[in-house]
N, C-alpha and C. Protein backbone atom coordinates (compact mmCIF):
# COMPACT_ATOMS: atom_id res chain seq x y z
N MET A 1 -66.81 -54.34 -98.13
CA MET A 1 -68.03 -55.01 -97.70
C MET A 1 -67.66 -56.20 -96.82
N PHE A 2 -68.50 -56.45 -95.81
CA PHE A 2 -68.24 -57.52 -94.85
C PHE A 2 -69.51 -58.35 -94.67
N THR A 3 -69.43 -59.38 -93.83
CA THR A 3 -70.58 -60.27 -93.64
C THR A 3 -71.05 -60.34 -92.20
N GLY A 4 -70.29 -59.77 -91.27
CA GLY A 4 -70.67 -59.84 -89.87
C GLY A 4 -70.29 -61.15 -89.20
N ILE A 5 -69.44 -61.93 -89.85
CA ILE A 5 -68.92 -63.17 -89.25
C ILE A 5 -67.49 -62.90 -88.80
N ILE A 6 -67.28 -62.83 -87.50
CA ILE A 6 -65.98 -62.44 -86.95
C ILE A 6 -64.94 -63.53 -87.19
N GLU A 7 -63.78 -63.13 -87.74
CA GLU A 7 -62.70 -64.09 -87.99
C GLU A 7 -61.91 -64.39 -86.73
N THR A 8 -61.58 -63.35 -86.00
CA THR A 8 -60.73 -63.50 -84.83
C THR A 8 -60.83 -62.24 -83.98
N SER A 9 -60.23 -62.28 -82.82
CA SER A 9 -60.13 -61.10 -81.97
C SER A 9 -58.72 -60.52 -82.07
N GLY A 10 -58.61 -59.22 -81.92
CA GLY A 10 -57.32 -58.57 -81.83
C GLY A 10 -57.18 -57.93 -80.46
N GLU A 11 -55.95 -57.78 -80.02
CA GLU A 11 -55.69 -57.13 -78.73
C GLU A 11 -55.11 -55.75 -78.97
N VAL A 12 -55.70 -54.75 -78.37
CA VAL A 12 -55.17 -53.39 -78.48
C VAL A 12 -53.87 -53.30 -77.70
N ILE A 13 -52.80 -52.94 -78.39
CA ILE A 13 -51.48 -52.78 -77.76
C ILE A 13 -51.30 -51.35 -77.29
N SER A 14 -51.72 -50.40 -78.14
CA SER A 14 -51.59 -48.99 -77.75
C SER A 14 -52.53 -48.14 -78.59
N THR A 15 -52.85 -46.97 -78.08
CA THR A 15 -53.58 -45.95 -78.84
C THR A 15 -52.85 -44.64 -78.66
N LYS A 16 -52.83 -43.83 -79.71
CA LYS A 16 -52.11 -42.55 -79.66
C LYS A 16 -52.85 -41.52 -80.49
N LYS A 17 -53.10 -40.37 -79.90
CA LYS A 17 -53.75 -39.28 -80.62
C LYS A 17 -52.73 -38.58 -81.52
N GLU A 18 -53.11 -38.36 -82.76
CA GLU A 18 -52.33 -37.57 -83.70
C GLU A 18 -53.27 -36.54 -84.31
N GLY A 19 -53.24 -35.34 -83.76
CA GLY A 19 -54.23 -34.34 -84.13
C GLY A 19 -55.59 -34.80 -83.65
N SER A 20 -56.56 -34.82 -84.56
CA SER A 20 -57.90 -35.30 -84.19
C SER A 20 -58.07 -36.79 -84.45
N ASN A 21 -57.03 -37.43 -84.99
CA ASN A 21 -57.09 -38.85 -85.31
C ASN A 21 -56.59 -39.70 -84.15
N LEU A 22 -56.96 -40.98 -84.17
CA LEU A 22 -56.48 -41.94 -83.18
C LEU A 22 -55.76 -43.07 -83.91
N VAL A 23 -54.47 -43.24 -83.61
CA VAL A 23 -53.68 -44.34 -84.17
C VAL A 23 -53.78 -45.52 -83.22
N ILE A 24 -54.23 -46.66 -83.74
CA ILE A 24 -54.46 -47.84 -82.93
C ILE A 24 -53.51 -48.94 -83.37
N THR A 25 -52.76 -49.49 -82.42
CA THR A 25 -51.87 -50.62 -82.69
C THR A 25 -52.50 -51.89 -82.13
N ILE A 26 -52.59 -52.90 -82.98
CA ILE A 26 -53.31 -54.13 -82.63
C ILE A 26 -52.44 -55.36 -82.90
N LYS A 27 -52.50 -56.30 -81.98
CA LYS A 27 -51.84 -57.60 -82.15
C LYS A 27 -52.91 -58.62 -82.51
N SER A 28 -52.65 -59.38 -83.57
CA SER A 28 -53.68 -60.32 -84.03
C SER A 28 -53.05 -61.54 -84.70
N ALA A 29 -53.78 -62.64 -84.65
CA ALA A 29 -53.33 -63.87 -85.29
C ALA A 29 -53.32 -63.76 -86.81
N ILE A 30 -54.05 -62.80 -87.37
CA ILE A 30 -54.11 -62.66 -88.82
C ILE A 30 -53.17 -61.57 -89.35
N THR A 31 -52.37 -60.97 -88.47
CA THR A 31 -51.49 -59.88 -88.91
C THR A 31 -50.61 -60.31 -90.07
N GLY A 32 -50.07 -61.53 -90.00
CA GLY A 32 -49.17 -62.02 -91.04
C GLY A 32 -49.83 -62.17 -92.40
N GLU A 33 -51.15 -62.17 -92.44
CA GLU A 33 -51.89 -62.30 -93.69
C GLU A 33 -52.37 -60.96 -94.22
N LEU A 34 -52.13 -59.90 -93.46
CA LEU A 34 -52.59 -58.57 -93.88
C LEU A 34 -51.58 -57.89 -94.78
N LYS A 35 -52.01 -56.85 -95.46
CA LYS A 35 -51.12 -56.01 -96.25
C LYS A 35 -51.53 -54.55 -96.08
N ILE A 36 -50.59 -53.67 -96.36
CA ILE A 36 -50.87 -52.24 -96.27
C ILE A 36 -52.02 -51.88 -97.20
N ASP A 37 -52.90 -51.01 -96.75
CA ASP A 37 -54.08 -50.53 -97.49
C ASP A 37 -55.25 -51.50 -97.46
N GLN A 38 -55.11 -52.63 -96.75
CA GLN A 38 -56.21 -53.58 -96.68
C GLN A 38 -57.29 -53.09 -95.73
N SER A 39 -58.54 -53.38 -96.06
CA SER A 39 -59.66 -53.00 -95.21
C SER A 39 -59.98 -54.11 -94.22
N VAL A 40 -60.10 -53.74 -92.95
CA VAL A 40 -60.45 -54.68 -91.89
C VAL A 40 -61.51 -54.02 -91.01
N ALA A 41 -62.55 -54.76 -90.69
CA ALA A 41 -63.57 -54.24 -89.78
C ALA A 41 -63.13 -54.46 -88.34
N HIS A 42 -63.12 -53.38 -87.56
CA HIS A 42 -62.74 -53.41 -86.14
C HIS A 42 -63.97 -53.05 -85.33
N ASN A 43 -64.53 -54.03 -84.62
CA ASN A 43 -65.82 -53.81 -83.93
C ASN A 43 -66.86 -53.26 -84.90
N GLY A 44 -66.77 -53.73 -86.15
CA GLY A 44 -67.73 -53.32 -87.16
C GLY A 44 -67.37 -52.06 -87.92
N VAL A 45 -66.24 -51.43 -87.61
CA VAL A 45 -65.82 -50.19 -88.26
C VAL A 45 -64.76 -50.50 -89.31
N CYS A 46 -65.02 -50.16 -90.55
CA CYS A 46 -64.05 -50.40 -91.62
C CYS A 46 -62.89 -49.42 -91.49
N LEU A 47 -61.69 -49.96 -91.25
CA LEU A 47 -60.47 -49.16 -91.13
C LEU A 47 -59.40 -49.74 -92.04
N THR A 48 -58.46 -48.91 -92.43
CA THR A 48 -57.39 -49.31 -93.34
C THR A 48 -56.11 -49.62 -92.58
N VAL A 49 -55.47 -50.73 -92.93
CA VAL A 49 -54.18 -51.08 -92.34
C VAL A 49 -53.13 -50.11 -92.89
N THR A 50 -52.43 -49.41 -92.00
CA THR A 50 -51.47 -48.39 -92.43
C THR A 50 -50.02 -48.79 -92.19
N GLN A 51 -49.80 -49.73 -91.28
CA GLN A 51 -48.43 -50.15 -90.97
C GLN A 51 -48.46 -51.55 -90.38
N ILE A 52 -47.46 -52.37 -90.72
CA ILE A 52 -47.35 -53.73 -90.20
C ILE A 52 -45.94 -53.93 -89.66
N GLU A 53 -45.86 -54.49 -88.45
CA GLU A 53 -44.55 -54.77 -87.85
C GLU A 53 -44.67 -56.01 -86.97
N GLY A 54 -44.05 -57.10 -87.43
CA GLY A 54 -44.12 -58.34 -86.67
C GLY A 54 -45.55 -58.85 -86.61
N ASP A 55 -46.02 -59.10 -85.39
CA ASP A 55 -47.39 -59.60 -85.23
C ASP A 55 -48.38 -58.49 -84.87
N THR A 56 -47.95 -57.23 -85.07
CA THR A 56 -48.85 -56.10 -84.82
C THR A 56 -49.02 -55.27 -86.09
N TYR A 57 -50.12 -54.53 -86.12
CA TYR A 57 -50.35 -53.60 -87.23
C TYR A 57 -51.01 -52.35 -86.67
N GLN A 58 -50.97 -51.29 -87.47
CA GLN A 58 -51.59 -50.03 -87.08
C GLN A 58 -52.71 -49.66 -88.04
N THR A 59 -53.68 -48.96 -87.49
CA THR A 59 -54.76 -48.39 -88.28
C THR A 59 -55.13 -47.05 -87.67
N VAL A 60 -55.83 -46.22 -88.42
CA VAL A 60 -56.13 -44.86 -87.97
C VAL A 60 -57.63 -44.61 -88.04
N ALA A 61 -58.19 -44.12 -86.96
CA ALA A 61 -59.60 -43.72 -86.92
C ALA A 61 -59.67 -42.19 -86.90
N VAL A 62 -60.41 -41.62 -87.85
CA VAL A 62 -60.53 -40.17 -87.93
C VAL A 62 -61.59 -39.68 -86.95
N ASP A 63 -61.66 -38.37 -86.79
CA ASP A 63 -62.55 -37.78 -85.78
C ASP A 63 -64.01 -38.15 -85.99
N GLU A 64 -64.47 -38.14 -87.24
CA GLU A 64 -65.86 -38.51 -87.54
C GLU A 64 -66.16 -39.92 -87.04
N THR A 65 -65.22 -40.84 -87.24
CA THR A 65 -65.39 -42.22 -86.77
C THR A 65 -65.40 -42.27 -85.25
N LEU A 66 -64.53 -41.52 -84.63
CA LEU A 66 -64.45 -41.53 -83.16
C LEU A 66 -65.72 -40.97 -82.54
N GLN A 67 -66.36 -40.02 -83.22
CA GLN A 67 -67.59 -39.43 -82.69
C GLN A 67 -68.77 -40.40 -82.75
N LYS A 68 -68.77 -41.29 -83.75
CA LYS A 68 -69.93 -42.15 -83.99
C LYS A 68 -69.78 -43.57 -83.46
N THR A 69 -68.61 -43.93 -82.97
CA THR A 69 -68.35 -45.32 -82.59
C THR A 69 -67.77 -45.41 -81.18
N ASN A 70 -67.46 -46.64 -80.77
CA ASN A 70 -66.85 -46.85 -79.45
C ASN A 70 -65.32 -46.92 -79.51
N LEU A 71 -64.72 -46.64 -80.67
CA LEU A 71 -63.28 -46.79 -80.81
C LEU A 71 -62.49 -45.83 -79.93
N ALA A 72 -63.05 -44.66 -79.64
CA ALA A 72 -62.36 -43.69 -78.79
C ALA A 72 -62.17 -44.22 -77.37
N LEU A 73 -62.94 -45.23 -77.00
CA LEU A 73 -62.86 -45.79 -75.64
C LEU A 73 -61.83 -46.90 -75.51
N LEU A 74 -61.23 -47.31 -76.64
CA LEU A 74 -60.29 -48.43 -76.60
C LEU A 74 -59.08 -48.12 -75.73
N LYS A 75 -58.66 -49.14 -74.97
CA LYS A 75 -57.48 -49.04 -74.11
C LYS A 75 -56.62 -50.28 -74.32
N PRO A 76 -55.31 -50.19 -74.02
CA PRO A 76 -54.46 -51.37 -74.13
C PRO A 76 -55.03 -52.56 -73.36
N GLY A 77 -55.03 -53.70 -74.02
CA GLY A 77 -55.57 -54.91 -73.41
C GLY A 77 -56.99 -55.23 -73.85
N ASN A 78 -57.70 -54.22 -74.38
CA ASN A 78 -59.06 -54.46 -74.87
C ASN A 78 -59.04 -55.40 -76.08
N LYS A 79 -60.09 -56.18 -76.24
CA LYS A 79 -60.24 -57.07 -77.38
C LYS A 79 -61.19 -56.42 -78.40
N VAL A 80 -60.82 -56.52 -79.67
CA VAL A 80 -61.67 -56.00 -80.74
C VAL A 80 -62.02 -57.14 -81.69
N ASN A 81 -63.24 -57.11 -82.20
CA ASN A 81 -63.68 -58.10 -83.19
C ASN A 81 -63.13 -57.72 -84.55
N LEU A 82 -62.53 -58.68 -85.26
CA LEU A 82 -61.90 -58.41 -86.54
C LEU A 82 -62.52 -59.25 -87.65
N GLU A 83 -62.72 -58.62 -88.80
CA GLU A 83 -63.15 -59.33 -90.00
C GLU A 83 -62.55 -58.65 -91.22
N ARG A 84 -61.87 -59.43 -92.05
CA ARG A 84 -61.38 -58.88 -93.31
C ARG A 84 -62.53 -58.77 -94.31
N ALA A 85 -62.32 -57.92 -95.32
CA ALA A 85 -63.37 -57.71 -96.32
C ALA A 85 -63.72 -59.03 -97.00
N MET A 86 -64.99 -59.17 -97.36
CA MET A 86 -65.48 -60.41 -97.95
C MET A 86 -64.96 -60.59 -99.37
N LEU A 87 -64.91 -61.85 -99.81
CA LEU A 87 -64.62 -62.18 -101.20
C LEU A 87 -65.96 -62.36 -101.91
N PHE A 88 -66.09 -61.80 -103.10
CA PHE A 88 -67.37 -61.86 -103.78
C PHE A 88 -67.69 -63.24 -104.37
N ASN A 89 -66.72 -64.15 -104.30
CA ASN A 89 -67.01 -65.53 -104.72
C ASN A 89 -67.19 -66.44 -103.51
N GLY A 90 -67.35 -65.83 -102.33
CA GLY A 90 -67.53 -66.61 -101.11
C GLY A 90 -68.97 -66.55 -100.62
N ARG A 91 -69.23 -67.31 -99.56
CA ARG A 91 -70.56 -67.34 -98.98
C ARG A 91 -70.78 -66.11 -98.09
N ILE A 92 -72.02 -65.67 -98.01
CA ILE A 92 -72.40 -64.62 -97.07
C ILE A 92 -73.13 -65.31 -95.92
N ASP A 93 -72.38 -65.70 -94.90
CA ASP A 93 -72.97 -66.46 -93.80
C ASP A 93 -73.72 -65.57 -92.81
N GLY A 94 -73.48 -64.25 -92.87
CA GLY A 94 -74.22 -63.32 -92.02
C GLY A 94 -75.18 -62.51 -92.87
N HIS A 95 -74.87 -61.21 -93.03
CA HIS A 95 -75.62 -60.37 -93.96
C HIS A 95 -74.67 -59.29 -94.47
N LEU A 96 -75.08 -58.55 -95.48
CA LEU A 96 -74.21 -57.54 -96.07
C LEU A 96 -73.98 -56.39 -95.09
N VAL A 97 -72.71 -56.17 -94.77
CA VAL A 97 -72.30 -55.14 -93.81
C VAL A 97 -71.29 -54.23 -94.50
N GLN A 98 -71.49 -52.93 -94.40
CA GLN A 98 -70.59 -51.98 -95.05
C GLN A 98 -69.38 -51.60 -94.20
N GLY A 99 -69.51 -51.72 -92.90
CA GLY A 99 -68.45 -51.23 -92.03
C GLY A 99 -68.59 -49.75 -91.76
N HIS A 100 -69.78 -49.20 -92.05
CA HIS A 100 -70.08 -47.79 -91.80
C HIS A 100 -71.07 -47.72 -90.64
N VAL A 101 -70.56 -47.54 -89.46
CA VAL A 101 -71.39 -47.57 -88.25
C VAL A 101 -72.34 -46.38 -88.22
N ASP A 102 -73.60 -46.65 -87.90
CA ASP A 102 -74.61 -45.59 -87.84
C ASP A 102 -74.62 -44.86 -86.51
N GLY A 103 -74.26 -45.54 -85.46
CA GLY A 103 -74.28 -44.95 -84.12
C GLY A 103 -73.97 -46.01 -83.09
N THR A 104 -74.17 -45.67 -81.84
CA THR A 104 -73.87 -46.61 -80.76
C THR A 104 -75.13 -46.94 -79.97
N GLY A 105 -75.06 -48.07 -79.30
CA GLY A 105 -76.11 -48.49 -78.38
C GLY A 105 -75.47 -48.88 -77.06
N THR A 106 -76.28 -49.12 -76.06
CA THR A 106 -75.77 -49.46 -74.73
C THR A 106 -76.41 -50.75 -74.25
N CYS A 107 -75.58 -51.65 -73.73
CA CYS A 107 -76.08 -52.89 -73.14
C CYS A 107 -76.84 -52.55 -71.86
N ILE A 108 -78.07 -53.06 -71.74
CA ILE A 108 -78.85 -52.82 -70.52
C ILE A 108 -79.23 -54.12 -69.81
N LEU A 109 -78.95 -55.27 -70.46
CA LEU A 109 -79.28 -56.55 -69.84
C LEU A 109 -78.38 -57.64 -70.39
N ARG A 110 -77.85 -58.46 -69.49
CA ARG A 110 -77.11 -59.66 -69.87
C ARG A 110 -77.62 -60.78 -68.97
N GLU A 111 -78.10 -61.86 -69.60
CA GLU A 111 -78.73 -62.92 -68.83
C GLU A 111 -78.39 -64.28 -69.44
N GLU A 112 -77.76 -65.15 -68.67
CA GLU A 112 -77.46 -66.49 -69.16
C GLU A 112 -78.73 -67.33 -69.13
N GLN A 113 -78.93 -68.09 -70.21
CA GLN A 113 -80.14 -68.91 -70.32
C GLN A 113 -79.79 -70.30 -70.83
N ASN A 114 -79.48 -71.20 -69.89
CA ASN A 114 -79.20 -72.60 -70.23
C ASN A 114 -78.13 -72.75 -71.30
N GLY A 115 -77.02 -72.05 -71.14
CA GLY A 115 -75.89 -72.21 -72.05
C GLY A 115 -75.80 -71.17 -73.14
N SER A 116 -76.85 -70.42 -73.37
CA SER A 116 -76.78 -69.29 -74.29
C SER A 116 -76.97 -68.01 -73.48
N TRP A 117 -76.91 -66.87 -74.15
CA TRP A 117 -77.01 -65.60 -73.43
C TRP A 117 -78.01 -64.68 -74.12
N LEU A 118 -78.80 -64.01 -73.32
CA LEU A 118 -79.72 -62.99 -73.80
C LEU A 118 -79.13 -61.62 -73.47
N TYR A 119 -79.04 -60.77 -74.49
CA TYR A 119 -78.58 -59.39 -74.29
C TYR A 119 -79.67 -58.44 -74.79
N ARG A 120 -79.78 -57.33 -74.10
CA ARG A 120 -80.70 -56.28 -74.56
C ARG A 120 -79.92 -54.97 -74.65
N PHE A 121 -80.18 -54.23 -75.73
CA PHE A 121 -79.46 -53.00 -76.01
C PHE A 121 -80.43 -51.87 -76.31
N THR A 122 -80.01 -50.66 -76.01
CA THR A 122 -80.70 -49.48 -76.50
C THR A 122 -80.13 -49.13 -77.87
N TYR A 123 -80.88 -48.35 -78.63
CA TYR A 123 -80.38 -47.83 -79.90
C TYR A 123 -81.01 -46.47 -80.14
N PRO A 124 -80.36 -45.61 -80.96
CA PRO A 124 -80.91 -44.28 -81.21
C PRO A 124 -82.29 -44.37 -81.86
N PRO A 125 -83.31 -43.75 -81.28
CA PRO A 125 -84.69 -43.89 -81.78
C PRO A 125 -84.89 -43.39 -83.21
N GLU A 126 -83.98 -42.55 -83.71
CA GLU A 126 -84.14 -42.08 -85.09
C GLU A 126 -83.96 -43.21 -86.11
N PHE A 127 -83.43 -44.36 -85.65
CA PHE A 127 -83.24 -45.49 -86.55
C PHE A 127 -84.34 -46.55 -86.40
N ALA A 128 -85.41 -46.21 -85.72
CA ALA A 128 -86.48 -47.18 -85.45
C ALA A 128 -87.08 -47.75 -86.73
N GLY A 129 -87.09 -46.97 -87.80
CA GLY A 129 -87.65 -47.44 -89.06
C GLY A 129 -86.75 -48.39 -89.81
N LEU A 130 -85.54 -48.62 -89.32
CA LEU A 130 -84.57 -49.47 -90.02
C LEU A 130 -84.36 -50.82 -89.35
N ILE A 131 -85.14 -51.11 -88.33
CA ILE A 131 -84.95 -52.35 -87.59
C ILE A 131 -86.29 -53.09 -87.55
N VAL A 132 -86.26 -54.38 -87.90
CA VAL A 132 -87.49 -55.16 -87.97
C VAL A 132 -87.34 -56.45 -87.18
N GLU A 133 -88.45 -56.96 -86.68
CA GLU A 133 -88.46 -58.20 -85.92
C GLU A 133 -87.89 -59.35 -86.76
N LYS A 134 -86.94 -60.07 -86.18
CA LYS A 134 -86.24 -61.19 -86.83
C LYS A 134 -85.38 -60.73 -88.01
N GLY A 135 -85.10 -59.44 -88.07
CA GLY A 135 -84.21 -58.92 -89.09
C GLY A 135 -82.77 -58.93 -88.58
N SER A 136 -81.87 -58.41 -89.41
CA SER A 136 -80.44 -58.42 -89.08
C SER A 136 -79.96 -57.06 -88.60
N ILE A 137 -78.99 -57.11 -87.71
CA ILE A 137 -78.28 -55.91 -87.27
C ILE A 137 -76.82 -56.30 -87.10
N CYS A 138 -75.93 -55.34 -87.30
CA CYS A 138 -74.51 -55.57 -87.05
C CYS A 138 -74.15 -54.87 -85.75
N MET A 139 -73.80 -55.66 -84.74
CA MET A 139 -73.48 -55.14 -83.42
C MET A 139 -72.02 -55.46 -83.09
N ASN A 140 -71.19 -54.42 -83.00
CA ASN A 140 -69.75 -54.59 -82.80
C ASN A 140 -69.14 -55.52 -83.85
N GLY A 141 -69.68 -55.41 -85.07
CA GLY A 141 -69.17 -56.20 -86.17
C GLY A 141 -69.80 -57.56 -86.34
N ILE A 142 -70.71 -57.95 -85.44
CA ILE A 142 -71.31 -59.28 -85.46
C ILE A 142 -72.70 -59.22 -86.08
N SER A 143 -72.96 -60.07 -87.05
CA SER A 143 -74.29 -60.18 -87.64
C SER A 143 -75.20 -60.94 -86.69
N LEU A 144 -76.27 -60.28 -86.25
CA LEU A 144 -77.18 -60.88 -85.28
C LEU A 144 -78.63 -60.68 -85.70
N THR A 145 -79.50 -61.56 -85.20
CA THR A 145 -80.93 -61.46 -85.43
C THR A 145 -81.59 -60.78 -84.24
N VAL A 146 -82.40 -59.78 -84.49
CA VAL A 146 -83.01 -59.01 -83.41
C VAL A 146 -84.44 -59.47 -83.14
N PHE A 147 -84.88 -59.29 -81.89
CA PHE A 147 -86.26 -59.58 -81.52
C PHE A 147 -86.65 -58.71 -80.34
N ASP A 148 -87.93 -58.76 -79.96
CA ASP A 148 -88.47 -57.93 -78.88
C ASP A 148 -88.09 -56.46 -79.08
N ILE A 149 -88.39 -55.95 -80.26
CA ILE A 149 -88.03 -54.58 -80.63
C ILE A 149 -89.03 -53.58 -80.06
N THR A 150 -88.50 -52.48 -79.55
CA THR A 150 -89.32 -51.32 -79.21
C THR A 150 -88.76 -50.13 -80.01
N SER A 151 -89.25 -48.95 -79.74
CA SER A 151 -88.80 -47.77 -80.48
C SER A 151 -87.36 -47.40 -80.18
N ASP A 152 -86.77 -47.96 -79.10
CA ASP A 152 -85.38 -47.63 -78.79
C ASP A 152 -84.62 -48.77 -78.12
N GLN A 153 -85.14 -50.00 -78.18
CA GLN A 153 -84.46 -51.15 -77.59
C GLN A 153 -84.66 -52.39 -78.46
N PHE A 154 -83.72 -53.33 -78.35
CA PHE A 154 -83.87 -54.62 -79.02
C PHE A 154 -83.10 -55.67 -78.23
N SER A 155 -83.43 -56.93 -78.49
CA SER A 155 -82.74 -58.05 -77.84
C SER A 155 -82.07 -58.92 -78.89
N VAL A 156 -80.99 -59.62 -78.48
CA VAL A 156 -80.34 -60.61 -79.32
C VAL A 156 -79.99 -61.82 -78.45
N ALA A 157 -79.96 -62.99 -79.08
CA ALA A 157 -79.54 -64.21 -78.39
C ALA A 157 -78.16 -64.59 -78.91
N ILE A 158 -77.27 -64.92 -77.99
CA ILE A 158 -75.88 -65.23 -78.34
C ILE A 158 -75.60 -66.70 -78.06
N ILE A 159 -75.13 -67.43 -79.08
CA ILE A 159 -74.78 -68.83 -78.90
C ILE A 159 -73.40 -68.93 -78.26
N PRO A 160 -73.07 -70.08 -77.65
CA PRO A 160 -71.78 -70.22 -76.97
C PRO A 160 -70.57 -69.91 -77.86
N TYR A 161 -70.59 -70.33 -79.13
CA TYR A 161 -69.43 -70.08 -80.00
C TYR A 161 -69.19 -68.58 -80.15
N THR A 162 -70.23 -67.83 -80.44
CA THR A 162 -70.09 -66.38 -80.59
C THR A 162 -69.65 -65.74 -79.29
N PHE A 163 -70.21 -66.20 -78.19
CA PHE A 163 -69.84 -65.66 -76.87
C PHE A 163 -68.35 -65.87 -76.61
N ASN A 164 -67.84 -67.05 -76.92
CA ASN A 164 -66.45 -67.39 -76.59
C ASN A 164 -65.44 -66.82 -77.57
N HIS A 165 -65.86 -66.48 -78.79
CA HIS A 165 -64.92 -66.06 -79.82
C HIS A 165 -65.02 -64.58 -80.20
N THR A 166 -65.80 -63.81 -79.46
CA THR A 166 -65.91 -62.37 -79.72
C THR A 166 -65.87 -61.62 -78.39
N ASN A 167 -65.89 -60.29 -78.49
CA ASN A 167 -65.87 -59.50 -77.25
C ASN A 167 -67.24 -59.36 -76.61
N VAL A 168 -68.23 -60.10 -77.11
CA VAL A 168 -69.53 -60.15 -76.43
C VAL A 168 -69.36 -60.62 -74.99
N GLN A 169 -68.40 -61.50 -74.76
CA GLN A 169 -68.19 -62.05 -73.42
C GLN A 169 -67.83 -60.99 -72.38
N PHE A 170 -67.35 -59.84 -72.84
CA PHE A 170 -66.97 -58.77 -71.92
C PHE A 170 -68.08 -57.74 -71.71
N MET A 171 -69.17 -57.90 -72.41
CA MET A 171 -70.24 -56.90 -72.35
C MET A 171 -71.10 -57.07 -71.11
N GLN A 172 -71.20 -56.01 -70.35
CA GLN A 172 -72.05 -55.93 -69.17
C GLN A 172 -72.94 -54.69 -69.32
N PRO A 173 -74.00 -54.57 -68.53
CA PRO A 173 -74.81 -53.35 -68.60
C PRO A 173 -73.95 -52.09 -68.51
N GLY A 174 -74.17 -51.17 -69.45
CA GLY A 174 -73.38 -49.95 -69.54
C GLY A 174 -72.36 -49.99 -70.65
N TYR A 175 -72.09 -51.17 -71.21
CA TYR A 175 -71.10 -51.35 -72.28
C TYR A 175 -71.63 -50.71 -73.57
N LEU A 176 -70.79 -49.89 -74.21
CA LEU A 176 -71.17 -49.20 -75.44
C LEU A 176 -70.81 -50.05 -76.65
N VAL A 177 -71.75 -50.24 -77.58
CA VAL A 177 -71.51 -51.05 -78.77
C VAL A 177 -71.77 -50.25 -80.04
N ASN A 178 -71.09 -50.65 -81.12
CA ASN A 178 -71.31 -50.05 -82.43
C ASN A 178 -72.48 -50.73 -83.12
N LEU A 179 -73.31 -49.95 -83.78
CA LEU A 179 -74.47 -50.49 -84.48
C LEU A 179 -74.47 -50.03 -85.94
N GLU A 180 -74.67 -50.99 -86.82
CA GLU A 180 -74.92 -50.67 -88.23
C GLU A 180 -76.22 -51.36 -88.63
N PHE A 181 -77.17 -50.57 -89.10
CA PHE A 181 -78.46 -51.11 -89.48
C PHE A 181 -78.41 -51.64 -90.91
N ASP A 182 -79.30 -52.57 -91.21
CA ASP A 182 -79.32 -53.28 -92.48
C ASP A 182 -79.41 -52.30 -93.66
N ILE A 183 -78.48 -52.42 -94.59
CA ILE A 183 -78.44 -51.51 -95.74
C ILE A 183 -79.70 -51.62 -96.60
N LEU A 184 -80.31 -52.80 -96.64
CA LEU A 184 -81.54 -52.95 -97.43
C LEU A 184 -82.65 -52.07 -96.85
N GLY A 185 -82.73 -52.03 -95.53
CA GLY A 185 -83.71 -51.17 -94.88
C GLY A 185 -83.46 -49.70 -95.16
N LYS A 186 -82.19 -49.33 -95.24
CA LYS A 186 -81.84 -47.93 -95.51
C LYS A 186 -82.31 -47.51 -96.90
N TYR A 187 -82.10 -48.40 -97.89
CA TYR A 187 -82.52 -48.08 -99.25
C TYR A 187 -84.04 -47.99 -99.36
N VAL A 188 -84.74 -48.90 -98.69
CA VAL A 188 -86.20 -48.87 -98.71
C VAL A 188 -86.71 -47.58 -98.08
N ALA A 189 -86.13 -47.21 -96.92
CA ALA A 189 -86.55 -45.99 -96.23
C ALA A 189 -86.27 -44.76 -97.09
N ARG A 190 -85.13 -44.75 -97.76
CA ARG A 190 -84.78 -43.63 -98.62
C ARG A 190 -85.73 -43.52 -99.80
N GLN A 191 -86.09 -44.66 -100.37
CA GLN A 191 -87.01 -44.66 -101.51
C GLN A 191 -88.39 -44.16 -101.10
N GLN A 192 -88.82 -44.52 -99.90
CA GLN A 192 -90.12 -44.05 -99.41
C GLN A 192 -90.14 -42.53 -99.26
N ILE A 193 -89.04 -41.99 -98.75
CA ILE A 193 -88.93 -40.53 -98.61
C ILE A 193 -89.00 -39.87 -99.99
N PHE A 194 -88.28 -40.45 -100.94
CA PHE A 194 -88.25 -39.91 -102.30
C PHE A 194 -89.63 -39.98 -102.94
N ASN A 195 -90.31 -41.11 -102.77
CA ASN A 195 -91.65 -41.27 -103.35
C ASN A 195 -92.64 -40.29 -102.74
N THR A 196 -92.52 -40.07 -101.42
CA THR A 196 -93.42 -39.13 -100.74
C THR A 196 -93.20 -37.71 -101.25
N ALA A 197 -91.94 -37.37 -101.50
CA ALA A 197 -91.62 -36.03 -101.98
C ALA A 197 -92.19 -35.79 -103.38
N LEU A 198 -92.29 -36.85 -104.17
CA LEU A 198 -92.80 -36.71 -105.54
C LEU A 198 -94.32 -36.71 -105.60
N SER A 199 -94.97 -37.25 -104.58
CA SER A 199 -96.43 -37.37 -104.62
C SER A 199 -97.13 -36.08 -104.19
């Protein structure tokens, strides 16, 4: 479980296909604090640390993950947002994030507004029931508040700190992002389906 508060960025050193899987080597300031089998969110995707060497570590994304996320597009030099799993005795400064990406969205607008930034993204319309005005969404691992929602688009406002410390700064129209919708909304939607089936 994660909170959507990015700890640091990692730099992709290399990617290598092994069968249908993708082995990703990342250099990060937190590598020295990691251990084998530890869960780390990469652009919001929960992956397991499989190897550590010096200031780099490796993780593996399976085919299902590659189909649903933007990880297949990673290239050497790309920056990824990193967050280690939350401690249950710590604060939840964002919102509850599983690291299970639901799908991808596309940036369609980036606009600077007096020191902050407005971004607008598309999202798969089948998830329209899981997104609410002023609710939370996890975008590339970042907990954000959404507004100006339509059946397939939403907007977010980015403060300077988030812009400077995450890969949001590299997002331009056409940029593909990972989206995880609020788990509370998923449970409510599931319960409604169940109740309808019983009635």
